[in-house]
Structures are given as C-alpha cells and as structure tokens.
Amino acid sequence: MANLVVRNIDEDVVSALKERAGRFGRSAEAEHRLILTNALLKTKKKSLAEVLAAMPDVGDDADFERLQDAGESNVFD
C-alpha cells in the first residue's frame, strides 16, 4: 500500500475530520481513507433525472389509456 501526505489543510477541515471520525469510532486516518475511497472508487448513485433519461421510449400516452369496466364507477368524476 502507498502512503499519502496531505499538507496545508485548514485547521477547520482537520477538526471536522477528527469530529466525524470520533462519531463513527474511527481514527482520523481511517476516516480519511474511507472518505477518499468513497469519493474516488465507489459507484455513484444516479439522480432521478438520470434514471428517467435512461428509460426507453415505450410509446405514446394514448398507449396507456385506462379503460373503465362497465361495472365500475369513476371515483374522480
């Protein structure tokens, strides 16, 4: 495994890292590794817009028209 040294980090960032690590019972170094791994190697979740854009074109609105059965009343009228 490689080593990484990060210099010139704002003290506020270091404090936030230590606080976050403490909340999860990890060292600041372990938390730093996890943050880097999640940011750089984990598959990002798609946004709703990306999911919708990826849906295939399956037809027109008329293709999905709802037909009432003779015995049903329309609750929206």
Protein backbone atom coordinates (compact mmCIF):
# COMPACT_ATOMS: atom_id res chain seq x y z
CA MET A 1 0.00 0.00 0.00
CA ALA A 2 1.12 3.53 -0.71
CA ASN A 3 1.41 6.41 1.74
CA LEU A 4 -0.14 9.81 1.15
CA VAL A 5 0.84 13.01 2.90
CA VAL A 6 -1.53 15.98 2.65
CA ARG A 7 -0.12 19.37 3.62
CA ASN A 8 -1.58 22.83 4.18
CA ILE A 9 -5.04 21.73 5.29
CA ASP A 10 -7.16 24.32 7.12
CA GLU A 11 -7.46 23.61 10.82
CA ASP A 12 -11.27 23.69 10.46
CA VAL A 13 -11.07 20.79 7.99
CA VAL A 14 -8.80 18.80 10.29
CA SER A 15 -11.15 19.43 13.24
CA ALA A 16 -14.17 18.36 11.19
CA LEU A 17 -12.34 15.21 10.11
CA LYS A 18 -11.47 14.32 13.69
CA GLU A 19 -15.02 15.03 14.86
CA ARG A 20 -16.51 12.88 12.12
CA ALA A 21 -14.05 10.07 12.83
CA GLY A 22 -14.95 10.20 16.52
CA ARG A 23 -18.68 9.93 15.78
CA PHE A 24 -18.02 6.65 13.98
CA GLY A 25 -15.38 5.32 16.36
CA ARG A 26 -12.55 5.53 13.83
CA SER A 27 -9.20 7.25 13.79
CA ALA A 28 -8.81 10.40 11.71
CA GLU A 29 -6.52 8.45 9.39
CA ALA A 30 -9.09 5.67 8.91
CA GLU A 31 -11.81 8.25 8.29
CA HIS A 32 -9.60 10.00 5.74
CA ARG A 33 -9.03 6.69 3.91
CA LEU A 34 -12.77 5.98 3.87
CA ILE A 35 -13.62 9.44 2.55
CA LEU A 36 -11.07 9.13 -0.25
CA THR A 37 -12.25 5.63 -1.15
CA ASN A 38 -15.92 6.66 -1.24
CA ALA A 39 -15.19 9.80 -3.24
CA LEU A 40 -12.93 8.18 -5.81
CA LEU A 41 -13.77 4.50 -6.15
CA LYS A 42 -17.40 3.89 -5.17
CA THR A 43 -20.06 3.85 -7.87
CA LYS A 44 -22.10 6.99 -7.60
CA LYS A 45 -25.86 6.73 -7.38
CA LYS A 46 -27.76 8.09 -10.35
CA SER A 47 -30.02 11.08 -9.90
CA LEU A 48 -33.72 10.77 -10.63
CA ALA A 49 -33.19 12.80 -13.81
CA GLU A 50 -30.51 10.34 -14.98
CA VAL A 51 -32.75 7.35 -14.26
CA LEU A 52 -35.68 8.92 -16.10
CA ALA A 53 -33.49 9.90 -19.07
CA ALA A 54 -32.26 6.30 -19.33
CA MET A 55 -35.80 4.87 -19.63
CA PRO A 56 -36.61 3.62 -23.12
CA ASP A 57 -39.28 5.29 -25.24
CA VAL A 58 -42.10 2.77 -24.97
CA GLY A 59 -44.94 4.59 -26.66
CA ASP A 60 -47.38 7.48 -26.55
CA ASP A 61 -49.69 8.47 -23.72
CA ALA A 62 -52.60 7.01 -25.70
CA ASP A 63 -50.93 3.59 -25.46
CA PHE A 64 -51.51 3.72 -21.71
CA GLU A 65 -55.08 4.97 -21.69
CA ARG A 66 -57.13 3.46 -18.87
CA LEU A 67 -60.37 1.82 -19.91
CA GLN A 68 -63.21 1.70 -17.38
CA ASP A 69 -65.03 -1.56 -16.81
CA ALA A 70 -68.80 -1.32 -17.28
CA GLY A 71 -69.47 -2.11 -13.61
CA GLU A 72 -67.02 0.41 -12.13
CA SER A 73 -67.83 3.97 -11.27
CA ASN A 74 -65.21 6.61 -11.83
CA VAL A 75 -64.21 7.87 -8.37
CA PHE A 76 -62.65 11.01 -9.86
CA ASP A 77 -65.83 12.36 -11.52
